[in-house]
């Protein structure tokens, strides 16, 4: 009995030490996202999958873009700097891709060469492992997100156009975590969405009780569609809306009913469609709900995000 009791104590001590070690590793990992080099590099992975080789060359190009050195001197300096940047990219990438953090996942892919005579080679392509880094931050701060809230955030920030919008707006100033907070509070919070609803005239879907109920609106392309049909189409608007609003004026694949007769996409129309898309996404993942007493819309996730951002 004493031996079994002693083994249990040893096991508990080891578990406690492992938990402390894991917490320390996560703390260092999150801290690396806040350093100047870490912010810059992780934002690139947040934007799109990449290889270390591509990022090294990209950073070198940015560093020497406005250089006034003579071409020969610039080439020598570039070679000298390449080693330092290579070590920096490798150090951060390896840490984020480690089993302990898993903020990045890697896959060996065939990379096509620009010059047709060169053979294609295989390189490790690193991509974001969902929002694991963000969920680690929430957990470290003592804020527990529900499974549906995690799913909603992963879906929202899984859109490439959304990530590009965030990168263009905050990439030069903020870490990815702070950028997510600022973006969410400014564009996704229920207060902002409700303000849009009160100030604009658009398609209002949140009042319908059944997804098979007929949607009533003035647009002939949408009239007599069920809410379920409109939801399916409208969820894809998030990416298309961001593309249009962030300057990518390619209208291919955009439902014609979101465009006006002049084929323009003014900010007011963007805000209306963006409200609908986000509102439907929140509804789909049951992030928002109505209080049965006063019918006010409640959003626990908003409160958690605000708490994290304001500290």
C-alpha atoms as a PDB file:
ATOM      1  CA  UNK A   1       0.000   0.000   0.000  1.00  0.00           C
ATOM      2  CA  UNK A   2       2.790   2.406   0.927  1.00  0.00           C
ATOM      3  CA  UNK A   3       4.589   1.667  -2.323  1.00  0.00           C
ATOM      4  CA  UNK A   4       1.424   2.333  -4.374  1.00  0.00           C
ATOM      5  CA  UNK A   5       0.838   5.574  -2.444  1.00  0.00           C
ATOM      6  CA  UNK A   6       4.451   6.659  -3.072  1.00  0.00           C
ATOM      7  CA  UNK A   7       4.129   5.904  -6.793  1.00  0.00           C
ATOM      8  CA  UNK A   8       0.986   8.040  -6.956  1.00  0.00           C
ATOM      9  CA  UNK A   9       2.797  10.951  -5.316  1.00  0.00           C
ATOM     10  CA  UNK A  10       5.743  10.638  -7.708  1.00  0.00           C
ATOM     11  CA  UNK A  11       3.344  10.523 -10.651  1.00  0.00           C
ATOM     12  CA  UNK A  12       1.532  13.668  -9.458  1.00  0.00           C
ATOM     13  CA  UNK A  13       4.837  15.504  -8.990  1.00  0.00           C
ATOM     14  CA  UNK A  14       5.998  14.555 -12.480  1.00  0.00           C
ATOM     15  CA  UNK A  15       2.661  15.636 -13.988  1.00  0.00           C
ATOM     16  CA  UNK A  16       2.926  18.954 -12.166  1.00  0.00           C
ATOM     17  CA  UNK A  17       6.470  19.499 -13.451  1.00  0.00           C
ATOM     18  CA  UNK A  18       5.432  18.607 -17.009  1.00  0.00           C
ATOM     19  CA  UNK A  19       2.518  21.040 -16.810  1.00  0.00           C
ATOM     20  CA  UNK A  20       4.825  23.816 -15.598  1.00  0.00           C
ATOM     21  CA  UNK A  21       7.338  23.038 -18.361  1.00  0.00           C
ATOM     22  CA  UNK A  22       4.577  23.092 -20.989  1.00  0.00           C
ATOM     23  CA  UNK A  23       3.289  26.405 -19.640  1.00  0.00           C
ATOM     24  CA  UNK A  24       6.806  27.848 -19.779  1.00  0.00           C
ATOM     25  CA  UNK A  25       7.308  26.668 -23.384  1.00  0.00           C
ATOM     26  CA  UNK A  26       3.951  28.143 -24.455  1.00  0.00           C
ATOM     27  CA  UNK A  27       4.787  31.386 -22.653  1.00  0.00           C
ATOM     28  CA  UNK A  28       8.069  31.654 -24.584  1.00  0.00           C
ATOM     29  CA  UNK A  29       6.290  30.751 -27.821  1.00  0.00           C
ATOM     30  CA  UNK A  30       3.667  33.458 -27.355  1.00  0.00           C
ATOM     31  CA  UNK A  31       6.402  35.898 -26.385  1.00  0.00           C
ATOM     32  CA  UNK A  32       8.221  35.204 -29.644  1.00  0.00           C
ATOM     33  CA  UNK A  33       5.144  36.400 -31.543  1.00  0.00           C
ATOM     34  CA  UNK A  34       5.525  39.819 -29.913  1.00  0.00           C
ATOM     35  CA  UNK A  35       9.177  40.490 -30.794  1.00  0.00           C
ATOM     36  CA  UNK A  36       9.864  42.753 -33.764  1.00  0.00           C
ATOM     37  CA  UNK A  37      11.285  39.939 -35.890  1.00  0.00           C
ATOM     38  CA  UNK A  38       8.638  37.493 -34.668  1.00  0.00           C
ATOM     39  CA  UNK A  39       5.762  39.854 -35.504  1.00  0.00           C
ATOM     40  CA  UNK A  40       7.050  40.420 -38.996  1.00  0.00           C
ATOM     41  CA  UNK A  41       7.721  36.754 -39.766  1.00  0.00           C
ATOM     42  CA  UNK A  42       4.595  35.238 -38.199  1.00  0.00           C
ATOM     43  CA  UNK A  43       2.386  37.706 -40.039  1.00  0.00           C
ATOM     44  CA  UNK A  44       3.801  36.319 -43.296  1.00  0.00           C
ATOM     45  CA  UNK A  45       2.825  32.790 -42.276  1.00  0.00           C
ATOM     46  CA  UNK A  46      -0.557  34.128 -41.154  1.00  0.00           C
ATOM     47  CA  UNK A  47      -1.042  35.633 -44.600  1.00  0.00           C
ATOM     48  CA  UNK A  48      -0.277  32.496 -46.609  1.00  0.00           C
ATOM     49  CA  UNK A  49       1.735  29.232 -46.580  1.00  0.00           C
ATOM     50  CA  UNK A  50       5.391  29.707 -47.464  1.00  0.00           C
ATOM     51  CA  UNK A  51       8.840  28.147 -47.563  1.00  0.00           C
ATOM     52  CA  UNK A  52      11.761  29.451 -45.540  1.00  0.00           C
ATOM     53  CA  UNK A  53      13.717  30.037 -48.746  1.00  0.00           C
ATOM     54  CA  UNK A  54      10.979  32.287 -50.154  1.00  0.00           C
ATOM     55  CA  UNK A  55      10.721  34.320 -46.938  1.00  0.00           C
ATOM     56  CA  UNK A  56      14.497  34.803 -46.733  1.00  0.00           C
ATOM     57  CA  UNK A  57      14.631  36.144 -50.293  1.00  0.00           C
ATOM     58  CA  UNK A  58      11.536  38.254 -49.669  1.00  0.00           C
ATOM     59  CA  UNK A  59      13.031  39.868 -46.563  1.00  0.00           C
ATOM     60  CA  UNK A  60      16.289  40.523 -48.417  1.00  0.00           C
ATOM     61  CA  UNK A  61      14.383  42.164 -51.267  1.00  0.00           C
ATOM     62  CA  UNK A  62      12.540  44.404 -48.811  1.00  0.00           C
ATOM     63  CA  UNK A  63      15.740  45.319 -46.991  1.00  0.00           C
ATOM     64  CA  UNK A  64      17.620  46.338 -50.144  1.00  0.00           C
ATOM     65  CA  UNK A  65      14.666  47.708 -52.099  1.00  0.00           C
ATOM     66  CA  UNK A  66      15.536  51.344 -51.418  1.00  0.00           C
ATOM     67  CA  UNK A  67      19.258  50.879 -51.034  1.00  0.00           C
ATOM     68  CA  UNK A  68      21.405  53.518 -52.741  1.00  0.00           C
ATOM     69  CA  UNK A  69      24.530  51.332 -52.796  1.00  0.00           C
ATOM     70  CA  UNK A  70      26.307  50.532 -56.016  1.00  0.00           C
ATOM     71  CA  UNK A  71      25.161  47.270 -57.521  1.00  0.00           C
ATOM     72  CA  UNK A  72      28.397  45.387 -56.716  1.00  0.00           C
ATOM     73  CA  UNK A  73      28.426  46.555 -53.100  1.00  0.00           C
ATOM     74  CA  UNK A  74      24.728  45.825 -52.746  1.00  0.00           C
ATOM     75  CA  UNK A  75      25.250  42.258 -53.911  1.00  0.00           C
ATOM     76  CA  UNK A  76      28.091  41.705 -51.419  1.00  0.00           C
ATOM     77  CA  UNK A  77      26.029  43.162 -48.565  1.00  0.00           C
ATOM     78  CA  UNK A  78      23.074  41.034 -49.585  1.00  0.00           C
ATOM     79  CA  UNK A  79      25.207  37.881 -49.391  1.00  0.00           C
ATOM     80  CA  UNK A  80      26.482  38.957 -45.967  1.00  0.00           C
ATOM     81  CA  UNK A  81      22.984  39.669 -44.625  1.00  0.00           C
ATOM     82  CA  UNK A  82      21.519  36.474 -46.065  1.00  0.00           C
ATOM     83  CA  UNK A  83      23.209  34.303 -43.439  1.00  0.00           C
ATOM     84  CA  UNK A  84      21.816  36.337 -40.541  1.00  0.00           C
ATOM     85  CA  UNK A  85      18.282  36.411 -41.967  1.00  0.00           C
ATOM     86  CA  UNK A  86      18.444  32.684 -42.746  1.00  0.00           C
ATOM     87  CA  UNK A  87      19.333  31.907 -39.121  1.00  0.00           C
ATOM     88  CA  UNK A  88      16.546  34.174 -37.861  1.00  0.00           C
ATOM     89  CA  UNK A  89      13.868  32.615 -40.097  1.00  0.00           C
ATOM     90  CA  UNK A  90      15.048  29.097 -39.283  1.00  0.00           C
ATOM     91  CA  UNK A  91      15.081  29.755 -35.519  1.00  0.00           C
ATOM     92  CA  UNK A  92      11.549  31.123 -35.328  1.00  0.00           C
ATOM     93  CA  UNK A  93      10.073  28.667 -37.832  1.00  0.00           C
ATOM     94  CA  UNK A  94      11.537  25.641 -36.055  1.00  0.00           C
ATOM     95  CA  UNK A  95      10.147  26.817 -32.713  1.00  0.00           C
ATOM     96  CA  UNK A  96       6.648  27.467 -34.083  1.00  0.00           C
ATOM     97  CA  UNK A  97       6.687  24.136 -35.926  1.00  0.00           C
ATOM     98  CA  UNK A  98       7.829  22.176 -32.853  1.00  0.00           C
ATOM     99  CA  UNK A  99       5.719  19.433 -31.234  1.00  0.00           C
ATOM    100  CA  UNK A 100       5.400  21.581 -28.121  1.00  0.00           C
ATOM    101  CA  UNK A 101       3.844  24.597 -29.886  1.00  0.00           C
ATOM    102  CA  UNK A 102       2.482  23.406 -33.253  1.00  0.00           C
ATOM    103  CA  UNK A 103       1.598  26.933 -34.385  1.00  0.00           C
ATOM    104  CA  UNK A 104       2.787  25.924 -37.848  1.00  0.00           C
ATOM    105  CA  UNK A 105       2.407  22.670 -39.722  1.00  0.00           C
ATOM    106  CA  UNK A 106       4.741  21.607 -42.508  1.00  0.00           C
ATOM    107  CA  UNK A 107       4.303  19.554 -45.644  1.00  0.00           C
ATOM    108  CA  UNK A 108       6.906  18.577 -48.204  1.00  0.00           C
ATOM    109  CA  UNK A 109       5.749  19.816 -51.609  1.00  0.00           C
ATOM    110  CA  UNK A 110       7.146  20.031 -55.094  1.00  0.00           C
ATOM    111  CA  UNK A 111       8.142  23.609 -55.891  1.00  0.00           C
ATOM    112  CA  UNK A 112       8.039  24.649 -59.530  1.00  0.00           C
ATOM    113  CA  UNK A 113      11.078  26.545 -60.723  1.00  0.00           C
ATOM    114  CA  UNK A 114      10.715  29.816 -62.592  1.00  0.00           C
ATOM    115  CA  UNK A 115      13.281  28.814 -65.189  1.00  0.00           C
ATOM    116  CA  UNK A 116      11.917  26.054 -67.354  1.00  0.00           C
ATOM    117  CA  UNK A 117      15.320  24.325 -67.708  1.00  0.00           C
ATOM    118  CA  UNK A 118      15.635  23.799 -63.969  1.00  0.00           C
ATOM    119  CA  UNK A 119      14.127  20.682 -62.443  1.00  0.00           C
ATOM    120  CA  UNK A 120      11.464  21.092 -59.783  1.00  0.00           C
ATOM    121  CA  UNK A 121      12.584  20.342 -56.260  1.00  0.00           C
ATOM    122  CA  UNK A 122      10.835  19.525 -52.991  1.00  0.00           C
ATOM    123  CA  UNK A 123      10.763  21.907 -50.052  1.00  0.00           C
ATOM    124  CA  UNK A 124       9.017  22.156 -46.698  1.00  0.00           C
ATOM    125  CA  UNK A 125       5.996  24.441 -46.975  1.00  0.00           C
ATOM    126  CA  UNK A 126       4.866  25.895 -43.651  1.00  0.00           C
ATOM    127  CA  UNK A 127       1.290  26.970 -43.025  1.00  0.00           C
ATOM    128  CA  UNK A 128      -0.722  28.150 -40.061  1.00  0.00           C
ATOM    129  CA  UNK A 129      -2.152  25.418 -37.829  1.00  0.00           C
ATOM    130  CA  UNK A 130      -5.530  27.098 -37.490  1.00  0.00           C
ATOM    131  CA  UNK A 131      -5.632  29.540 -34.577  1.00  0.00           C
ATOM    132  CA  UNK A 132      -3.801  27.341 -32.074  1.00  0.00           C
ATOM    133  CA  UNK A 133      -1.521  30.255 -31.135  1.00  0.00           C
ATOM    134  CA  UNK A 134      -4.569  32.419 -30.398  1.00  0.00           C
ATOM    135  CA  UNK A 135      -6.291  29.707 -28.361  1.00  0.00           C
ATOM    136  CA  UNK A 136      -3.072  29.200 -26.353  1.00  0.00           C
ATOM    137  CA  UNK A 137      -3.089  32.933 -25.614  1.00  0.00           C
ATOM    138  CA  UNK A 138      -6.704  32.797 -24.449  1.00  0.00           C
ATOM    139  CA  UNK A 139      -5.976  29.817 -22.205  1.00  0.00           C
ATOM    140  CA  UNK A 140      -2.901  31.497 -20.744  1.00  0.00           C
ATOM    141  CA  UNK A 141      -5.029  34.531 -19.848  1.00  0.00           C
ATOM    142  CA  UNK A 142      -7.626  32.311 -18.163  1.00  0.00           C
ATOM    143  CA  UNK A 143     -10.349  32.750 -20.810  1.00  0.00           C
ATOM    144  CA  UNK A 144     -11.973  29.516 -21.934  1.00  0.00           C
ATOM    145  CA  UNK A 145     -13.593  29.470 -25.364  1.00  0.00           C
ATOM    146  CA  UNK A 146     -16.420  27.072 -26.155  1.00  0.00           C
ATOM    147  CA  UNK A 147     -16.038  24.585 -29.000  1.00  0.00           C
ATOM    148  CA  UNK A 148     -18.517  26.474 -31.225  1.00  0.00           C
ATOM    149  CA  UNK A 149     -16.610  29.725 -30.571  1.00  0.00           C
ATOM    150  CA  UNK A 150     -13.354  28.055 -31.611  1.00  0.00           C
ATOM    151  CA  UNK A 151     -15.036  26.719 -34.743  1.00  0.00           C
ATOM    152  CA  UNK A 152     -16.436  30.157 -35.609  1.00  0.00           C
ATOM    153  CA  UNK A 153     -13.063  31.885 -35.205  1.00  0.00           C
ATOM    154  CA  UNK A 154     -11.249  29.191 -37.200  1.00  0.00           C
ATOM    155  CA  UNK A 155     -13.799  29.533 -39.991  1.00  0.00           C
ATOM    156  CA  UNK A 156     -13.722  33.344 -40.023  1.00  0.00           C
ATOM    157  CA  UNK A 157      -9.934  33.650 -40.015  1.00  0.00           C
ATOM    158  CA  UNK A 158      -9.594  30.722 -42.389  1.00  0.00           C
ATOM    159  CA  UNK A 159     -10.655  32.956 -45.273  1.00  0.00           C
ATOM    160  CA  UNK A 160      -7.547  34.079 -47.144  1.00  0.00           C
ATOM    161  CA  UNK A 161      -9.157  37.398 -48.038  1.00  0.00           C
ATOM    162  CA  UNK A 162      -9.891  38.096 -44.367  1.00  0.00           C
ATOM    163  CA  UNK A 163      -6.267  37.413 -43.434  1.00  0.00           C
ATOM    164  CA  UNK A 164      -5.073  39.616 -46.290  1.00  0.00           C
ATOM    165  CA  UNK A 165      -7.350  42.421 -45.132  1.00  0.00           C
ATOM    166  CA  UNK A 166      -5.910  42.164 -41.605  1.00  0.00           C
ATOM    167  CA  UNK A 167      -2.339  42.018 -42.948  1.00  0.00           C
ATOM    168  CA  UNK A 168      -2.840  45.139 -45.081  1.00  0.00           C
ATOM    169  CA  UNK A 169      -4.472  47.043 -42.241  1.00  0.00           C
ATOM    170  CA  UNK A 170      -2.360  46.018 -39.243  1.00  0.00           C
ATOM    171  CA  UNK A 171       0.666  44.095 -40.554  1.00  0.00           C
ATOM    172  CA  UNK A 172       3.156  46.954 -40.211  1.00  0.00           C
ATOM    173  CA  UNK A 173       2.224  47.880 -36.660  1.00  0.00           C
ATOM    174  CA  UNK A 174       0.772  45.013 -34.650  1.00  0.00           C
ATOM    175  CA  UNK A 175       1.457  41.416 -33.746  1.00  0.00           C
ATOM    176  CA  UNK A 176      -0.988  38.915 -35.253  1.00  0.00           C
ATOM    177  CA  UNK A 177      -2.743  38.462 -31.897  1.00  0.00           C
ATOM    178  CA  UNK A 178      -3.298  42.198 -31.374  1.00  0.00           C
ATOM    179  CA  UNK A 179      -4.389  42.553 -35.005  1.00  0.00           C
ATOM    180  CA  UNK A 180      -7.024  39.844 -34.492  1.00  0.00           C
ATOM    181  CA  UNK A 181      -8.335  41.648 -31.417  1.00  0.00           C
ATOM    182  CA  UNK A 182      -8.529  45.017 -33.170  1.00  0.00           C
ATOM    183  CA  UNK A 183     -10.136  43.544 -36.266  1.00  0.00           C
ATOM    184  CA  UNK A 184     -12.702  41.593 -34.243  1.00  0.00           C
ATOM    185  CA  UNK A 185     -13.708  44.492 -32.025  1.00  0.00           C
ATOM    186  CA  UNK A 186     -13.947  46.945 -34.918  1.00  0.00           C
ATOM    187  CA  UNK A 187     -15.660  44.760 -37.505  1.00  0.00           C
ATOM    188  CA  UNK A 188     -17.076  41.601 -35.914  1.00  0.00           C
ATOM    189  CA  UNK A 189     -18.446  42.593 -32.503  1.00  0.00           C
ATOM    190  CA  UNK A 190     -22.222  42.551 -32.149  1.00  0.00           C
ATOM    191  CA  UNK A 191     -22.266  46.248 -31.217  1.00  0.00           C
ATOM    192  CA  UNK A 192     -20.719  47.118 -34.563  1.00  0.00           C
ATOM    193  CA  UNK A 193     -22.977  44.767 -36.476  1.00  0.00           C
ATOM    194  CA  UNK A 194     -26.078  46.072 -34.718  1.00  0.00           C
ATOM    195  CA  UNK A 195     -25.027  49.620 -35.536  1.00  0.00           C
ATOM    196  CA  UNK A 196     -24.792  48.661 -39.201  1.00  0.00           C
ATOM    197  CA  UNK A 197     -28.230  47.095 -39.064  1.00  0.00           C
ATOM    198  CA  UNK A 198     -29.753  50.188 -37.537  1.00  0.00           C
ATOM    199  CA  UNK A 199     -28.071  52.586 -39.959  1.00  0.00           C
ATOM    200  CA  UNK A 200     -28.383  50.704 -43.233  1.00  0.00           C
ATOM    201  CA  UNK A 201     -31.012  49.077 -45.410  1.00  0.00           C
ATOM    202  CA  UNK A 202     -30.094  45.586 -46.532  1.00  0.00           C
ATOM    203  CA  UNK A 203     -31.151  41.976 -46.288  1.00  0.00           C
ATOM    204  CA  UNK A 204     -31.986  41.139 -42.677  1.00  0.00           C
ATOM    205  CA  UNK A 205     -31.806  37.423 -41.981  1.00  0.00           C
ATOM    206  CA  UNK A 206     -31.584  37.258 -38.185  1.00  0.00           C
ATOM    207  CA  UNK A 207     -35.347  37.699 -37.673  1.00  0.00           C
ATOM    208  CA  UNK A 208     -36.313  34.532 -39.519  1.00  0.00           C
ATOM    209  CA  UNK A 209     -37.242  31.560 -37.369  1.00  0.00           C
ATOM    210  CA  UNK A 210     -36.910  28.805 -39.932  1.00  0.00           C
ATOM    211  CA  UNK A 211     -34.171  28.245 -42.457  1.00  0.00           C
ATOM    212  CA  UNK A 212     -36.854  27.115 -44.919  1.00  0.00           C
ATOM    213  CA  UNK A 213     -38.861  30.311 -44.554  1.00  0.00           C
ATOM    214  CA  UNK A 214     -39.136  32.445 -47.680  1.00  0.00           C
ATOM    215  CA  UNK A 215     -36.856  35.505 -47.634  1.00  0.00           C
ATOM    216  CA  UNK A 216     -38.665  38.742 -48.394  1.00  0.00           C
ATOM    217  CA  UNK A 217     -36.666  41.480 -50.078  1.00  0.00           C
ATOM    218  CA  UNK A 218     -36.905  43.807 -53.040  1.00  0.00           C
ATOM    219  CA  UNK A 219     -34.174  42.184 -55.109  1.00  0.00           C
ATOM    220  CA  UNK A 220     -35.656  39.996 -57.840  1.00  0.00           C
ATOM    221  CA  UNK A 221     -32.599  37.718 -57.808  1.00  0.00           C
ATOM    222  CA  UNK A 222     -33.177  36.782 -54.184  1.00  0.00           C
ATOM    223  CA  UNK A 223     -36.971  36.975 -53.867  1.00  0.00           C
ATOM    224  CA  UNK A 224     -38.659  33.655 -53.128  1.00  0.00           C
ATOM    225  CA  UNK A 225     -35.395  32.022 -52.110  1.00  0.00           C
ATOM    226  CA  UNK A 226     -35.491  30.209 -48.786  1.00  0.00           C
ATOM    227  CA  UNK A 227     -33.293  31.398 -45.961  1.00  0.00           C
ATOM    228  CA  UNK A 228     -31.314  28.167 -46.245  1.00  0.00           C
ATOM    229  CA  UNK A 229     -30.514  28.887 -49.911  1.00  0.00           C
ATOM    230  CA  UNK A 230     -29.537  32.472 -49.203  1.00  0.00           C
ATOM    231  CA  UNK A 231     -27.385  31.465 -46.230  1.00  0.00           C
ATOM    232  CA  UNK A 232     -25.483  28.968 -48.354  1.00  0.00           C
ATOM    233  CA  UNK A 233     -24.747  31.608 -50.974  1.00  0.00           C
ATOM    234  CA  UNK A 234     -24.173  34.451 -48.543  1.00  0.00           C
ATOM    235  CA  UNK A 235     -21.555  32.687 -46.435  1.00  0.00           C
ATOM    236  CA  UNK A 236     -19.241  32.806 -49.434  1.00  0.00           C
ATOM    237  CA  UNK A 237     -19.640  36.584 -49.499  1.00  0.00           C
ATOM    238  CA  UNK A 238     -17.141  37.078 -46.706  1.00  0.00           C
ATOM    239  CA  UNK A 239     -14.183  36.290 -48.934  1.00  0.00           C
ATOM    240  CA  UNK A 240     -15.603  37.960 -52.025  1.00  0.00           C
ATOM    241  CA  UNK A 241     -16.614  41.038 -50.030  1.00  0.00           C
ATOM    242  CA  UNK A 242     -13.130  41.398 -48.603  1.00  0.00           C
ATOM    243  CA  UNK A 243     -11.556  40.978 -52.024  1.00  0.00           C
ATOM    244  CA  UNK A 244     -13.653  43.776 -53.407  1.00  0.00           C
ATOM    245  CA  UNK A 245     -13.202  46.056 -50.434  1.00  0.00           C
ATOM    246  CA  UNK A 246      -9.453  45.534 -50.180  1.00  0.00           C
ATOM    247  CA  UNK A 247      -8.880  46.619 -53.748  1.00  0.00           C
ATOM    248  CA  UNK A 248      -9.110  43.341 -55.637  1.00  0.00           C
ATOM    249  CA  UNK A 249     -11.767  44.430 -58.124  1.00  0.00           C
ATOM    250  CA  UNK A 250     -12.196  41.049 -59.759  1.00  0.00           C
ATOM    251  CA  UNK A 251     -15.923  40.485 -59.920  1.00  0.00           C
ATOM    252  CA  UNK A 252     -15.764  36.906 -61.207  1.00  0.00           C
ATOM    253  CA  UNK A 253     -17.774  34.559 -59.049  1.00  0.00           C
ATOM    254  CA  UNK A 254     -19.506  37.314 -57.093  1.00  0.00           C
ATOM    255  CA  UNK A 255     -23.309  36.871 -57.032  1.00  0.00           C
ATOM    256  CA  UNK A 256     -24.757  39.565 -59.278  1.00  0.00           C
ATOM    257  CA  UNK A 257     -27.272  40.654 -56.681  1.00  0.00           C
ATOM    258  CA  UNK A 258     -24.538  42.176 -54.492  1.00  0.00           C
ATOM    259  CA  UNK A 259     -23.466  44.514 -57.273  1.00  0.00           C
ATOM    260  CA  UNK A 260     -25.323  47.626 -58.343  1.00  0.00           C
ATOM    261  CA  UNK A 261     -26.165  48.530 -61.923  1.00  0.00           C
ATOM    262  CA  UNK A 262     -22.924  50.484 -62.399  1.00  0.00           C
ATOM    263  CA  UNK A 263     -20.779  47.505 -61.427  1.00  0.00           C
ATOM    264  CA  UNK A 264     -19.344  49.426 -58.499  1.00  0.00           C
ATOM    265  CA  UNK A 265     -18.986  48.329 -54.925  1.00  0.00           C
ATOM    266  CA  UNK A 266     -19.226  51.363 -52.611  1.00  0.00           C
ATOM    267  CA  UNK A 267     -18.333  51.148 -48.942  1.00  0.00           C
ATOM    268  CA  UNK A 268     -21.975  51.380 -47.870  1.00  0.00           C
ATOM    269  CA  UNK A 269     -22.847  48.261 -49.887  1.00  0.00           C
ATOM    270  CA  UNK A 270     -19.784  46.489 -48.551  1.00  0.00           C
ATOM    271  CA  UNK A 271     -20.872  47.170 -44.973  1.00  0.00           C
ATOM    272  CA  UNK A 272     -24.379  45.864 -45.601  1.00  0.00           C
ATOM    273  CA  UNK A 273     -23.193  42.638 -47.239  1.00  0.00           C
ATOM    274  CA  UNK A 274     -20.436  42.211 -44.686  1.00  0.00           C
ATOM    275  CA  UNK A 275     -22.965  42.545 -41.867  1.00  0.00           C
ATOM    276  CA  UNK A 276     -25.123  39.833 -43.430  1.00  0.00           C
ATOM    277  CA  UNK A 277     -22.228  37.454 -44.055  1.00  0.00           C
ATOM    278  CA  UNK A 278     -20.800  37.760 -40.535  1.00  0.00           C
ATOM    279  CA  UNK A 279     -24.233  37.644 -38.932  1.00  0.00           C
ATOM    280  CA  UNK A 280     -25.043  34.430 -40.779  1.00  0.00           C
ATOM    281  CA  UNK A 281     -21.689  32.913 -39.873  1.00  0.00           C
ATOM    282  CA  UNK A 282     -22.291  33.731 -36.205  1.00  0.00           C
ATOM    283  CA  UNK A 283     -25.769  32.237 -36.463  1.00  0.00           C
ATOM    284  CA  UNK A 284     -24.439  29.100 -38.105  1.00  0.00           C
ATOM    285  CA  UNK A 285     -21.989  28.462 -35.280  1.00  0.00           C
ATOM    286  CA  UNK A 286     -24.534  29.597 -32.636  1.00  0.00           C
ATOM    287  CA  UNK A 287     -22.148  32.239 -31.304  1.00  0.00           C
ATOM    288  CA  UNK A 288     -24.940  34.781 -30.806  1.00  0.00           C
ATOM    289  CA  UNK A 289     -28.280  34.192 -29.130  1.00  0.00           C
ATOM    290  CA  UNK A 290     -31.340  36.168 -28.128  1.00  0.00           C
ATOM    291  CA  UNK A 291     -32.313  36.680 -24.508  1.00  0.00           C
ATOM    292  CA  UNK A 292     -35.831  35.273 -24.155  1.00  0.00           C
ATOM    293  CA  UNK A 293     -36.728  37.938 -21.593  1.00  0.00           C
ATOM    294  CA  UNK A 294     -35.979  41.144 -23.485  1.00  0.00           C
ATOM    295  CA  UNK A 295     -35.018  39.750 -26.923  1.00  0.00           C
ATOM    296  CA  UNK A 296     -31.676  41.544 -26.747  1.00  0.00           C
ATOM    297  CA  UNK A 297     -28.902  39.885 -28.726  1.00  0.00           C
ATOM    298  CA  UNK A 298     -26.192  38.433 -26.497  1.00  0.00           C
ATOM    299  CA  UNK A 299     -22.735  37.489 -27.598  1.00  0.00           C
ATOM    300  CA  UNK A 300     -20.547  35.831 -24.932  1.00  0.00           C
ATOM    301  CA  UNK A 301     -17.631  35.667 -27.378  1.00  0.00           C
ATOM    302  CA  UNK A 302     -17.650  39.471 -27.713  1.00  0.00           C
ATOM    303  CA  UNK A 303     -17.282  39.779 -23.949  1.00  0.00           C
ATOM    304  CA  UNK A 304     -14.389  37.316 -23.884  1.00  0.00           C
ATOM    305  CA  UNK A 305     -12.556  39.049 -26.748  1.00  0.00           C
ATOM    306  CA  UNK A 306     -13.047  42.460 -25.121  1.00  0.00           C
ATOM    307  CA  UNK A 307     -11.789  41.120 -21.792  1.00  0.00           C
ATOM    308  CA  UNK A 308      -8.672  39.708 -23.424  1.00  0.00           C
ATOM    309  CA  UNK A 309      -7.963  42.888 -25.397  1.00  0.00           C
ATOM    310  CA  UNK A 310      -8.536  45.309 -22.530  1.00  0.00           C
ATOM    311  CA  UNK A 311      -6.691  43.099 -20.072  1.00  0.00           C
END
